[in-house]
C-alpha atoms as a PDB file:
ATOM      1  CA  UNK A   1      78.382 102.114  49.611  1.00  0.00           C
ATOM      2  CA  UNK A   2      78.913  98.419  50.231  1.00  0.00           C
ATOM      3  CA  UNK A   3      81.819  96.926  52.050  1.00  0.00           C
ATOM      4  CA  UNK A   4      84.442  95.883  49.464  1.00  0.00           C
ATOM      5  CA  UNK A   5      83.852  92.509  47.838  1.00  0.00           C
ATOM      6  CA  UNK A   6      80.187  92.056  48.742  1.00  0.00           C
ATOM      7  CA  UNK A   7      77.747  92.747  45.900  1.00  0.00           C
ATOM      8  CA  UNK A   8      74.045  93.357  46.231  1.00  0.00           C
ATOM      9  CA  UNK A   9      71.743  90.452  45.355  1.00  0.00           C
ATOM     10  CA  UNK A  10      69.350  91.559  42.595  1.00  0.00           C
ATOM     11  CA  UNK A  11      66.523  89.156  41.741  1.00  0.00           C
ATOM     12  CA  UNK A  12      65.095  88.838  38.232  1.00  0.00           C
ATOM     13  CA  UNK A  13      61.427  89.304  39.190  1.00  0.00           C
ATOM     14  CA  UNK A  14      59.026  88.113  36.515  1.00  0.00           C
ATOM     15  CA  UNK A  15      61.224  87.408  33.476  1.00  0.00           C
ATOM     16  CA  UNK A  16      58.486  88.599  31.102  1.00  0.00           C
ATOM     17  CA  UNK A  17      58.189  91.962  32.850  1.00  0.00           C
ATOM     18  CA  UNK A  18      60.496  94.966  32.837  1.00  0.00           C
ATOM     19  CA  UNK A  19      62.892  93.514  35.419  1.00  0.00           C
ATOM     20  CA  UNK A  20      65.416  92.472  32.746  1.00  0.00           C
ATOM     21  CA  UNK A  21      65.017  95.822  30.941  1.00  0.00           C
ATOM     22  CA  UNK A  22      65.688  98.009  33.969  1.00  0.00           C
ATOM     23  CA  UNK A  23      68.489  95.729  35.167  1.00  0.00           C
ATOM     24  CA  UNK A  24      70.234  96.141  31.827  1.00  0.00           C
ATOM     25  CA  UNK A  25      69.632  99.894  31.869  1.00  0.00           C
ATOM     26  CA  UNK A  26      70.998 100.232  35.400  1.00  0.00           C
ATOM     27  CA  UNK A  27      74.141  98.245  34.535  1.00  0.00           C
ATOM     28  CA  UNK A  28      74.756 100.295  31.383  1.00  0.00           C
ATOM     29  CA  UNK A  29      74.605 103.486  33.481  1.00  0.00           C
ATOM     30  CA  UNK A  30      76.563 102.052  36.410  1.00  0.00           C
ATOM     31  CA  UNK A  31      79.509 104.457  36.099  1.00  0.00           C
ATOM     32  CA  UNK A  32      77.449 107.585  35.479  1.00  0.00           C
ATOM     33  CA  UNK A  33      75.140 106.773  38.382  1.00  0.00           C
ATOM     34  CA  UNK A  34      77.887 105.570  40.705  1.00  0.00           C
ATOM     35  CA  UNK A  35      76.251 102.191  41.316  1.00  0.00           C
ATOM     36  CA  UNK A  36      77.917  99.645  43.546  1.00  0.00           C
ATOM     37  CA  UNK A  37      78.315  96.069  42.206  1.00  0.00           C
ATOM     38  CA  UNK A  38      75.262  93.836  42.072  1.00  0.00           C
ATOM     39  CA  UNK A  39      74.850  90.157  41.218  1.00  0.00           C
ATOM     40  CA  UNK A  40      71.755  89.289  39.179  1.00  0.00           C
ATOM     41  CA  UNK A  41      69.942  86.111  40.253  1.00  0.00           C
ATOM     42  CA  UNK A  42      68.104  84.826  37.206  1.00  0.00           C
ATOM     43  CA  UNK A  43      68.388  83.438  33.712  1.00  0.00           C
ATOM     44  CA  UNK A  44      71.334  84.793  31.679  1.00  0.00           C
ATOM     45  CA  UNK A  45      69.555  83.708  28.472  1.00  0.00           C
ATOM     46  CA  UNK A  46      66.612  85.977  29.308  1.00  0.00           C
ATOM     47  CA  UNK A  47      68.965  88.904  29.861  1.00  0.00           C
ATOM     48  CA  UNK A  48      70.837  88.218  26.619  1.00  0.00           C
ATOM     49  CA  UNK A  49      67.609  87.952  24.618  1.00  0.00           C
ATOM     50  CA  UNK A  50      66.255  91.155  26.143  1.00  0.00           C
ATOM     51  CA  UNK A  51      69.487  93.043  25.446  1.00  0.00           C
ATOM     52  CA  UNK A  52      69.317  91.918  21.830  1.00  0.00           C
ATOM     53  CA  UNK A  53      65.695  93.052  21.592  1.00  0.00           C
ATOM     54  CA  UNK A  54      66.644  96.420  23.099  1.00  0.00           C
ATOM     55  CA  UNK A  55      69.600  96.655  20.706  1.00  0.00           C
ATOM     56  CA  UNK A  56      72.217  97.216  23.379  1.00  0.00           C
ATOM     57  CA  UNK A  57      75.526  95.490  23.957  1.00  0.00           C
ATOM     58  CA  UNK A  58      75.679  93.905  27.406  1.00  0.00           C
ATOM     59  CA  UNK A  59      78.439  91.408  28.153  1.00  0.00           C
ATOM     60  CA  UNK A  60      77.112  88.788  30.586  1.00  0.00           C
ATOM     61  CA  UNK A  61      79.228  86.594  32.819  1.00  0.00           C
ATOM     62  CA  UNK A  62      78.009  83.680  34.920  1.00  0.00           C
ATOM     63  CA  UNK A  63      79.623  83.856  38.341  1.00  0.00           C
ATOM     64  CA  UNK A  64      79.044  83.741  42.081  1.00  0.00           C
ATOM     65  CA  UNK A  65      79.112  86.326  44.845  1.00  0.00           C
ATOM     66  CA  UNK A  66      82.849  86.069  45.464  1.00  0.00           C
ATOM     67  CA  UNK A  67      83.732  87.178  41.913  1.00  0.00           C
ATOM     68  CA  UNK A  68      80.804  89.446  41.033  1.00  0.00           C
ATOM     69  CA  UNK A  69      82.432  92.701  42.137  1.00  0.00           C
ATOM     70  CA  UNK A  70      85.551  91.955  40.097  1.00  0.00           C
ATOM     71  CA  UNK A  71      83.493  91.387  36.940  1.00  0.00           C
ATOM     72  CA  UNK A  72      81.035  94.260  37.440  1.00  0.00           C
ATOM     73  CA  UNK A  73      82.980  96.980  35.644  1.00  0.00           C
ATOM     74  CA  UNK A  74      83.183  94.998  32.396  1.00  0.00           C
ATOM     75  CA  UNK A  75      80.243  92.579  32.433  1.00  0.00           C
ATOM     76  CA  UNK A  76      76.860  92.090  34.063  1.00  0.00           C
ATOM     77  CA  UNK A  77      77.445  89.314  36.632  1.00  0.00           C
ATOM     78  CA  UNK A  78      74.732  86.640  36.826  1.00  0.00           C
ATOM     79  CA  UNK A  79      74.195  83.753  39.207  1.00  0.00           C
ATOM     80  CA  UNK A  80      72.344  81.462  36.775  1.00  0.00           C
ATOM     81  CA  UNK A  81      68.834  80.298  37.627  1.00  0.00           C
ATOM     82  CA  UNK A  82      67.359  78.999  34.339  1.00  0.00           C
ATOM     83  CA  UNK A  83      63.737  79.694  33.501  1.00  0.00           C
ATOM     84  CA  UNK A  84      63.461  76.512  31.444  1.00  0.00           C
ATOM     85  CA  UNK A  85      61.295  77.977  28.701  1.00  0.00           C
ATOM     86  CA  UNK A  86      61.395  80.704  26.066  1.00  0.00           C
ATOM     87  CA  UNK A  87      60.144  83.985  27.529  1.00  0.00           C
ATOM     88  CA  UNK A  88      58.119  86.406  25.438  1.00  0.00           C
ATOM     89  CA  UNK A  89      58.330  89.928  26.856  1.00  0.00           C
ATOM     90  CA  UNK A  90      54.972  91.166  28.064  1.00  0.00           C
ATOM     91  CA  UNK A  91      53.362  87.736  28.424  1.00  0.00           C
ATOM     92  CA  UNK A  92      53.650  86.297  31.916  1.00  0.00           C
ATOM     93  CA  UNK A  93      53.881  82.527  31.855  1.00  0.00           C
ATOM     94  CA  UNK A  94      53.434  80.106  34.728  1.00  0.00           C
ATOM     95  CA  UNK A  95      56.403  78.091  33.453  1.00  0.00           C
ATOM     96  CA  UNK A  96      58.714  80.904  34.508  1.00  0.00           C
ATOM     97  CA  UNK A  97      57.298  81.178  38.014  1.00  0.00           C
ATOM     98  CA  UNK A  98      59.588  78.553  39.540  1.00  0.00           C
ATOM     99  CA  UNK A  99      62.719  80.490  38.568  1.00  0.00           C
ATOM    100  CA  UNK A 100      61.201  83.715  39.890  1.00  0.00           C
ATOM    101  CA  UNK A 101      60.631  82.071  43.271  1.00  0.00           C
ATOM    102  CA  UNK A 102      64.019  80.346  43.225  1.00  0.00           C
ATOM    103  CA  UNK A 103      65.786  83.634  42.512  1.00  0.00           C
ATOM    104  CA  UNK A 104      64.238  85.182  45.611  1.00  0.00           C
ATOM    105  CA  UNK A 105      65.053  82.157  47.771  1.00  0.00           C
ATOM    106  CA  UNK A 106      68.663  82.055  46.585  1.00  0.00           C
ATOM    107  CA  UNK A 107      69.224  85.789  46.977  1.00  0.00           C
ATOM    108  CA  UNK A 108      67.905  85.678  50.547  1.00  0.00           C
ATOM    109  CA  UNK A 109      70.072  82.648  51.335  1.00  0.00           C
ATOM    110  CA  UNK A 110      73.192  84.382  50.003  1.00  0.00           C
ATOM    111  CA  UNK A 111      72.434  87.518  52.014  1.00  0.00           C
ATOM    112  CA  UNK A 112      71.639  85.633  55.221  1.00  0.00           C
ATOM    113  CA  UNK A 113      75.011  83.883  54.869  1.00  0.00           C
ATOM    114  CA  UNK A 114      76.811  87.202  54.392  1.00  0.00           C
ATOM    115  CA  UNK A 115      77.818  86.539  50.784  1.00  0.00           C
ATOM    116  CA  UNK A 116      75.799  89.506  49.508  1.00  0.00           C
ATOM    117  CA  UNK A 117      75.104  92.745  51.317  1.00  0.00           C
ATOM    118  CA  UNK A 118      71.361  93.161  50.730  1.00  0.00           C
ATOM    119  CA  UNK A 119      68.462  91.869  48.652  1.00  0.00           C
ATOM    120  CA  UNK A 120      67.012  94.053  45.886  1.00  0.00           C
ATOM    121  CA  UNK A 121      63.965  92.543  44.228  1.00  0.00           C
ATOM    122  CA  UNK A 122      62.669  93.222  40.740  1.00  0.00           C
ATOM    123  CA  UNK A 123      58.853  93.230  40.368  1.00  0.00           C
ATOM    124  CA  UNK A 124      56.882  89.999  40.392  1.00  0.00           C
ATOM    125  CA  UNK A 125      53.473  89.193  38.930  1.00  0.00           C
ATOM    126  CA  UNK A 126      51.523  87.660  41.808  1.00  0.00           C
ATOM    127  CA  UNK A 127      48.784  86.322  39.538  1.00  0.00           C
ATOM    128  CA  UNK A 128      51.371  84.294  37.617  1.00  0.00           C
ATOM    129  CA  UNK A 129      52.921  82.968  40.823  1.00  0.00           C
ATOM    130  CA  UNK A 130      49.511  82.013  42.201  1.00  0.00           C
ATOM    131  CA  UNK A 131      48.965  79.806  39.144  1.00  0.00           C
ATOM    132  CA  UNK A 132      52.164  77.999  40.085  1.00  0.00           C
ATOM    133  CA  UNK A 133      50.961  77.382  43.631  1.00  0.00           C
ATOM    134  CA  UNK A 134      52.564  80.366  45.379  1.00  0.00           C
ATOM    135  CA  UNK A 135      50.883  80.580  48.808  1.00  0.00           C
ATOM    136  CA  UNK A 136      51.818  84.082  49.945  1.00  0.00           C
ATOM    137  CA  UNK A 137      49.963  87.389  49.410  1.00  0.00           C
ATOM    138  CA  UNK A 138      53.086  89.033  48.035  1.00  0.00           C
ATOM    139  CA  UNK A 139      56.829  89.580  48.129  1.00  0.00           C
ATOM    140  CA  UNK A 140      56.858  90.968  51.660  1.00  0.00           C
ATOM    141  CA  UNK A 141      55.140  88.022  53.267  1.00  0.00           C
ATOM    142  CA  UNK A 142      57.316  85.529  51.367  1.00  0.00           C
ATOM    143  CA  UNK A 143      60.478  87.270  52.542  1.00  0.00           C
ATOM    144  CA  UNK A 144      59.261  87.055  56.148  1.00  0.00           C
ATOM    145  CA  UNK A 145      58.652  83.312  55.646  1.00  0.00           C
ATOM    146  CA  UNK A 146      62.183  82.825  54.309  1.00  0.00           C
ATOM    147  CA  UNK A 147      63.636  84.784  57.221  1.00  0.00           C
ATOM    148  CA  UNK A 148      61.736  82.651  59.718  1.00  0.00           C
ATOM    149  CA  UNK A 149      62.802  79.484  57.907  1.00  0.00           C
ATOM    150  CA  UNK A 150      66.447  80.568  58.117  1.00  0.00           C
ATOM    151  CA  UNK A 151      66.521  81.828  61.696  1.00  0.00           C
ATOM    152  CA  UNK A 152      63.711  79.913  63.376  1.00  0.00           C
ATOM    153  CA  UNK A 153      62.334  83.193  64.717  1.00  0.00           C
ATOM    154  CA  UNK A 154      59.117  84.780  63.502  1.00  0.00           C
ATOM    155  CA  UNK A 155      59.137  88.385  62.360  1.00  0.00           C
ATOM    156  CA  UNK A 156      56.588  90.996  61.356  1.00  0.00           C
ATOM    157  CA  UNK A 157      57.548  92.477  57.979  1.00  0.00           C
ATOM    158  CA  UNK A 158      56.799  96.182  57.698  1.00  0.00           C
ATOM    159  CA  UNK A 159      56.465  97.684  54.230  1.00  0.00           C
ATOM    160  CA  UNK A 160      57.773 101.226  53.834  1.00  0.00           C
ATOM    161  CA  UNK A 161      57.668 103.372  50.696  1.00  0.00           C
ATOM    162  CA  UNK A 162      60.651 105.697  50.976  1.00  0.00           C
ATOM    163  CA  UNK A 163      61.006 108.653  48.642  1.00  0.00           C
ATOM    164  CA  UNK A 164      62.778 112.007  48.688  1.00  0.00           C
ATOM    165  CA  UNK A 165      59.639 113.736  50.034  1.00  0.00           C
ATOM    166  CA  UNK A 166      57.851 111.080  52.086  1.00  0.00           C
ATOM    167  CA  UNK A 167      58.306 107.819  53.944  1.00  0.00           C
ATOM    168  CA  UNK A 168      54.992 106.011  54.419  1.00  0.00           C
ATOM    169  CA  UNK A 169      54.033 102.692  56.012  1.00  0.00           C
ATOM    170  CA  UNK A 170      50.697 100.860  55.786  1.00  0.00           C
ATOM    171  CA  UNK A 171      49.818  98.922  58.948  1.00  0.00           C
ATOM    172  CA  UNK A 172      47.592  96.554  56.934  1.00  0.00           C
ATOM    173  CA  UNK A 173      48.774  95.689  53.458  1.00  0.00           C
ATOM    174  CA  UNK A 174      47.306  93.272  50.924  1.00  0.00           C
ATOM    175  CA  UNK A 175      43.762  92.876  52.198  1.00  0.00           C
ATOM    176  CA  UNK A 176      40.423  94.198  50.901  1.00  0.00           C
ATOM    177  CA  UNK A 177      39.400  97.600  52.173  1.00  0.00           C
ATOM    178  CA  UNK A 178      36.295  96.213  53.884  1.00  0.00           C
ATOM    179  CA  UNK A 179      38.524  93.922  55.981  1.00  0.00           C
ATOM    180  CA  UNK A 180      40.758  96.692  57.338  1.00  0.00           C
ATOM    181  CA  UNK A 181      38.717  97.643  60.455  1.00  0.00           C
ATOM    182  CA  UNK A 182      38.622  94.013  61.593  1.00  0.00           C
ATOM    183  CA  UNK A 183      42.331  93.536  60.922  1.00  0.00           C
ATOM    184  CA  UNK A 184      43.442  96.626  62.834  1.00  0.00           C
ATOM    185  CA  UNK A 185      44.373  96.078  66.440  1.00  0.00           C
ATOM    186  CA  UNK A 186      46.152  98.027  69.127  1.00  0.00           C
ATOM    187  CA  UNK A 187      48.851  95.335  69.223  1.00  0.00           C
ATOM    188  CA  UNK A 188      49.459  95.415  65.455  1.00  0.00           C
ATOM    189  CA  UNK A 189      49.826  99.203  65.438  1.00  0.00           C
ATOM    190  CA  UNK A 190      52.195  99.145  68.402  1.00  0.00           C
ATOM    191  CA  UNK A 191      54.365  96.364  66.972  1.00  0.00           C
ATOM    192  CA  UNK A 192      54.500  98.017  63.535  1.00  0.00           C
ATOM    193  CA  UNK A 193      55.570 101.323  65.052  1.00  0.00           C
ATOM    194  CA  UNK A 194      58.170  99.756  67.362  1.00  0.00           C
ATOM    195  CA  UNK A 195      59.772  97.966  64.394  1.00  0.00           C
ATOM    196  CA  UNK A 196      59.663 101.182  62.386  1.00  0.00           C
ATOM    197  CA  UNK A 197      61.276 103.254  65.131  1.00  0.00           C
ATOM    198  CA  UNK A 198      63.961 100.610  65.714  1.00  0.00           C
ATOM    199  CA  UNK A 199      64.927 100.226  62.056  1.00  0.00           C
ATOM    200  CA  UNK A 200      64.859 103.956  61.320  1.00  0.00           C
ATOM    201  CA  UNK A 201      67.276 104.354  64.219  1.00  0.00           C
ATOM    202  CA  UNK A 202      69.530 101.355  63.576  1.00  0.00           C
ATOM    203  CA  UNK A 203      69.605 101.293  59.763  1.00  0.00           C
ATOM    204  CA  UNK A 204      68.736 104.839  58.702  1.00  0.00           C
ATOM    205  CA  UNK A 205      70.528 106.700  61.491  1.00  0.00           C
ATOM    206  CA  UNK A 206      67.631 108.681  62.984  1.00  0.00           C
ATOM    207  CA  UNK A 207      68.345 109.530  66.620  1.00  0.00           C
ATOM    208  CA  UNK A 208      64.686 109.738  67.648  1.00  0.00           C
ATOM    209  CA  UNK A 209      62.420 109.002  64.650  1.00  0.00           C
ATOM    210  CA  UNK A 210      59.224 111.072  64.542  1.00  0.00           C
ATOM    211  CA  UNK A 211      56.163 108.951  63.714  1.00  0.00           C
ATOM    212  CA  UNK A 212      52.941 110.601  62.497  1.00  0.00           C
ATOM    213  CA  UNK A 213      50.067 108.146  62.866  1.00  0.00           C
ATOM    214  CA  UNK A 214      47.031 108.538  60.629  1.00  0.00           C
ATOM    215  CA  UNK A 215      43.471 107.926  61.681  1.00  0.00           C
ATOM    216  CA  UNK A 216      41.357 105.360  59.897  1.00  0.00           C
ATOM    217  CA  UNK A 217      38.158 107.355  59.459  1.00  0.00           C
ATOM    218  CA  UNK A 218      37.525 110.837  58.042  1.00  0.00           C
ATOM    219  CA  UNK A 219      38.734 113.532  60.458  1.00  0.00           C
ATOM    220  CA  UNK A 220      40.316 110.756  62.561  1.00  0.00           C
ATOM    221  CA  UNK A 221      36.871 109.696  63.713  1.00  0.00           C
ATOM    222  CA  UNK A 222      35.802 112.957  65.396  1.00  0.00           C
ATOM    223  CA  UNK A 223      36.028 111.306  68.849  1.00  0.00           C
ATOM    224  CA  UNK A 224      33.708 108.476  67.841  1.00  0.00           C
ATOM    225  CA  UNK A 225      31.234 110.480  65.776  1.00  0.00           C
ATOM    226  CA  UNK A 226      32.593 109.003  62.508  1.00  0.00           C
ATOM    227  CA  UNK A 227      33.687 105.515  63.559  1.00  0.00           C
ATOM    228  CA  UNK A 228      35.135 104.154  66.768  1.00  0.00           C
ATOM    229  CA  UNK A 229      38.468 102.725  65.611  1.00  0.00           C
ATOM    230  CA  UNK A 230      40.436 105.957  66.010  1.00  0.00           C
ATOM    231  CA  UNK A 231      39.261 106.469  69.589  1.00  0.00           C
ATOM    232  CA  UNK A 232      39.223 102.866  70.767  1.00  0.00           C
ATOM    233  CA  UNK A 233      42.182 101.290  68.918  1.00  0.00           C
ATOM    234  CA  UNK A 234      44.571 103.873  67.460  1.00  0.00           C
ATOM    235  CA  UNK A 235      44.621 106.343  70.359  1.00  0.00           C
ATOM    236  CA  UNK A 236      45.433 103.682  73.009  1.00  0.00           C
ATOM    237  CA  UNK A 237      48.181 102.338  70.732  1.00  0.00           C
ATOM    238  CA  UNK A 238      49.753 105.812  70.513  1.00  0.00           C
ATOM    239  CA  UNK A 239      49.597 106.172  74.284  1.00  0.00           C
ATOM    240  CA  UNK A 240      51.456 102.862  74.663  1.00  0.00           C
ATOM    241  CA  UNK A 241      54.075 103.957  72.155  1.00  0.00           C
ATOM    242  CA  UNK A 242      54.703 107.219  73.967  1.00  0.00           C
ATOM    243  CA  UNK A 243      55.003 105.342  77.240  1.00  0.00           C
ATOM    244  CA  UNK A 244      57.650 103.165  75.549  1.00  0.00           C
ATOM    245  CA  UNK A 245      59.621 106.255  74.527  1.00  0.00           C
ATOM    246  CA  UNK A 246      58.554 106.413  70.864  1.00  0.00           C
ATOM    247  CA  UNK A 247      58.114 109.911  69.426  1.00  0.00           C
ATOM    248  CA  UNK A 248      54.587 109.408  68.051  1.00  0.00           C
ATOM    249  CA  UNK A 249      51.751 111.835  67.303  1.00  0.00           C
ATOM    250  CA  UNK A 250      48.162 111.203  66.237  1.00  0.00           C
ATOM    251  CA  UNK A 251      45.735 109.979  65.261  1.00  0.00           C
ATOM    252  CA  UNK A 252      45.844 112.622  62.542  1.00  0.00           C
ATOM    253  CA  UNK A 253      43.268 113.247  59.804  1.00  0.00           C
ATOM    254  CA  UNK A 254      44.844 111.689  56.721  1.00  0.00           C
ATOM    255  CA  UNK A 255      43.623 114.448  54.422  1.00  0.00           C
ATOM    256  CA  UNK A 256      45.908 117.018  56.101  1.00  0.00           C
ATOM    257  CA  UNK A 257      49.008 114.877  56.673  1.00  0.00           C
ATOM    258  CA  UNK A 258      50.791 115.065  53.361  1.00  0.00           C
ATOM    259  CA  UNK A 259      51.203 118.706  52.341  1.00  0.00           C
ATOM    260  CA  UNK A 260      54.670 120.272  52.570  1.00  0.00           C
ATOM    261  CA  UNK A 261      54.282 121.944  55.965  1.00  0.00           C
ATOM    262  CA  UNK A 262      52.778 118.829  57.574  1.00  0.00           C
ATOM    263  CA  UNK A 263      55.513 116.513  56.260  1.00  0.00           C
ATOM    264  CA  UNK A 264      58.188 118.718  57.819  1.00  0.00           C
ATOM    265  CA  UNK A 265      56.937 117.677  61.271  1.00  0.00           C
ATOM    266  CA  UNK A 266      57.631 113.943  60.967  1.00  0.00           C
ATOM    267  CA  UNK A 267      60.037 111.367  59.542  1.00  0.00           C
ATOM    268  CA  UNK A 268      57.535 108.653  58.614  1.00  0.00           C
ATOM    269  CA  UNK A 269      53.765 108.461  58.172  1.00  0.00           C
ATOM    270  CA  UNK A 270      52.104 105.397  59.686  1.00  0.00           C
ATOM    271  CA  UNK A 271      48.900 104.723  57.750  1.00  0.00           C
ATOM    272  CA  UNK A 272      46.103 102.275  58.428  1.00  0.00           C
ATOM    273  CA  UNK A 273      45.728 100.654  55.008  1.00  0.00           C
ATOM    274  CA  UNK A 274      47.521 100.135  51.711  1.00  0.00           C
ATOM    275  CA  UNK A 275      46.260 103.017  49.588  1.00  0.00           C
ATOM    276  CA  UNK A 276      46.256 105.520  52.438  1.00  0.00           C
ATOM    277  CA  UNK A 277      50.051 105.152  52.432  1.00  0.00           C
ATOM    278  CA  UNK A 278      50.860 104.359  48.827  1.00  0.00           C
ATOM    279  CA  UNK A 279      48.773 107.003  47.063  1.00  0.00           C
ATOM    280  CA  UNK A 280      50.619 109.967  48.627  1.00  0.00           C
ATOM    281  CA  UNK A 281      53.962 108.135  48.464  1.00  0.00           C
ATOM    282  CA  UNK A 282      53.649 107.494  44.740  1.00  0.00           C
ATOM    283  CA  UNK A 283      52.111 110.890  43.997  1.00  0.00           C
ATOM    284  CA  UNK A 284      55.097 112.591  45.622  1.00  0.00           C
ATOM    285  CA  UNK A 285      57.790 110.323  44.181  1.00  0.00           C
ATOM    286  CA  UNK A 286      56.605 107.835  41.598  1.00  0.00           C
ATOM    287  CA  UNK A 287      59.913 107.500  39.736  1.00  0.00           C
ATOM    288  CA  UNK A 288      62.307 107.593  42.677  1.00  0.00           C
ATOM    289  CA  UNK A 289      60.533 105.994  45.633  1.00  0.00           C
ATOM    290  CA  UNK A 290      61.769 102.696  47.019  1.00  0.00           C
ATOM    291  CA  UNK A 291      59.909  99.839  48.678  1.00  0.00           C
ATOM    292  CA  UNK A 292      61.853  98.931  51.839  1.00  0.00           C
ATOM    293  CA  UNK A 293      60.928  96.007  54.083  1.00  0.00           C
ATOM    294  CA  UNK A 294      61.606  96.713  57.746  1.00  0.00           C
ATOM    295  CA  UNK A 295      61.578  94.069  60.459  1.00  0.00           C
ATOM    296  CA  UNK A 296      63.642  91.491  58.556  1.00  0.00           C
ATOM    297  CA  UNK A 297      67.062  90.181  59.625  1.00  0.00           C
ATOM    298  CA  UNK A 298      68.435  91.366  56.272  1.00  0.00           C
ATOM    299  CA  UNK A 299      68.109  94.494  54.141  1.00  0.00           C
ATOM    300  CA  UNK A 300      65.561  94.403  51.348  1.00  0.00           C
ATOM    301  CA  UNK A 301      64.632  97.135  48.883  1.00  0.00           C
ATOM    302  CA  UNK A 302      62.644  97.117  45.660  1.00  0.00           C
ATOM    303  CA  UNK A 303      61.322  99.472  42.987  1.00  0.00           C
ATOM    304  CA  UNK A 304      57.907 100.860  43.914  1.00  0.00           C
ATOM    305  CA  UNK A 305      56.252  99.735  40.660  1.00  0.00           C
ATOM    306  CA  UNK A 306      55.007  96.506  39.126  1.00  0.00           C
ATOM    307  CA  UNK A 307      56.056  94.321  36.215  1.00  0.00           C
ATOM    308  CA  UNK A 308      54.687  96.734  33.568  1.00  0.00           C
ATOM    309  CA  UNK A 309      54.214  93.928  31.028  1.00  0.00           C
ATOM    310  CA  UNK A 310      53.068  96.413  28.390  1.00  0.00           C
ATOM    311  CA  UNK A 311      56.491  98.124  28.454  1.00  0.00           C
ATOM    312  CA  UNK A 312      58.707  95.018  28.489  1.00  0.00           C
ATOM    313  CA  UNK A 313      61.157  94.793  25.619  1.00  0.00           C
ATOM    314  CA  UNK A 314      60.178  98.149  24.107  1.00  0.00           C
ATOM    315  CA  UNK A 315      63.039 100.277  25.377  1.00  0.00           C
ATOM    316  CA  UNK A 316      60.786 102.731  27.239  1.00  0.00           C
ATOM    317  CA  UNK A 317      60.874 101.385  30.809  1.00  0.00           C
ATOM    318  CA  UNK A 318      62.516 103.811  33.240  1.00  0.00           C
ATOM    319  CA  UNK A 319      65.072 102.382  35.648  1.00  0.00           C
ATOM    320  CA  UNK A 320      65.000 105.307  38.107  1.00  0.00           C
ATOM    321  CA  UNK A 321      63.149 103.462  40.881  1.00  0.00           C
ATOM    322  CA  UNK A 322      65.426 100.409  40.592  1.00  0.00           C
ATOM    323  CA  UNK A 323      68.455 102.698  40.671  1.00  0.00           C
ATOM    324  CA  UNK A 324      67.096 104.353  43.813  1.00  0.00           C
ATOM    325  CA  UNK A 325      66.516 100.891  45.342  1.00  0.00           C
ATOM    326  CA  UNK A 326      70.080  99.811  44.535  1.00  0.00           C
ATOM    327  CA  UNK A 327      71.547 103.005  45.961  1.00  0.00           C
ATOM    328  CA  UNK A 328      69.527 102.830  49.167  1.00  0.00           C
ATOM    329  CA  UNK A 329      70.382  99.145  49.641  1.00  0.00           C
ATOM    330  CA  UNK A 330      74.071  99.999  49.227  1.00  0.00           C
ATOM    331  CA  UNK A 331      73.854 102.770  51.824  1.00  0.00           C
ATOM    332  CA  UNK A 332      71.985 100.635  54.343  1.00  0.00           C
ATOM    333  CA  UNK A 333      74.355  97.693  53.837  1.00  0.00           C
ATOM    334  CA  UNK A 334      77.376  99.931  54.290  1.00  0.00           C
ATOM    335  CA  UNK A 335      76.101 101.486  57.508  1.00  0.00           C
ATOM    336  CA  UNK A 336      74.958  98.109  58.856  1.00  0.00           C
ATOM    337  CA  UNK A 337      78.350  96.619  58.031  1.00  0.00           C
ATOM    338  CA  UNK A 338      80.151  99.412  59.861  1.00  0.00           C
ATOM    339  CA  UNK A 339      78.079  98.783  62.974  1.00  0.00           C
ATOM    340  CA  UNK A 340      78.791  95.042  62.979  1.00  0.00           C
END
């Protein structure tokens, strides 16, 4: 749980997506689910309109971080960031992009200043943001930019999908598959794994995190017979990690890493590209996995799904992944606060 008085910072995401729906659903079930207070950064008018469309009664109060926890039991606390246009559920509009970006910026600022305990982000529609001039590949990279802007220190953001059955990290993220071999480097693998081991120890409480590192090619390259990357890049990286005291094994054939017996041998799977990590993570925990960004100077979690425009405003969007993200953020913030 959070330290008393500090809410989580929950961003609106794309206002035309299911972010408002699942936020409302999570607040309505706050007592049953044992949720800690959160402060919604977004447009209160969008929330009110969505609640009306969903035919639920949700009192909304505009407030700041200092009063959010006090209001949370009786009303959904909102730090107002107006969209500036009427939002139609299911139809992303470039006019709403500025508020989406501003909500993220403000939530990060509040958390960096200690006013909120962690950042939880609702899904964004990157295509909509790109139309508005957004220059980053996705949420993760933008958060790293904001962290660097605040602290003056660069950081490598590491994306982890954390579910009840699997934690998985892609070393390369939002790039085409054909570009992965060129993007992989011994240094990138080592740095990703060092950040992972550090954060699993400091924030998640693992004494000596066990990292299972996947190969890039089928059968982990068969010692160069099926590609050279596993032998020439991944294996030397693992040797460096072991020399640095990291509990790392691999490179392992990815097709045998994710069954029950294999997963019992490690705490996190380090994968070489986006789908190598996210396919098993979502297959094993689609409704309750959480996107966690490691390597940042603040805690950030998110649902592991997108905006789901086709479900917005229809009363069918499930809030389970957002609930899991809120709960994990609360736990991490509490443990981090106790160590400070």
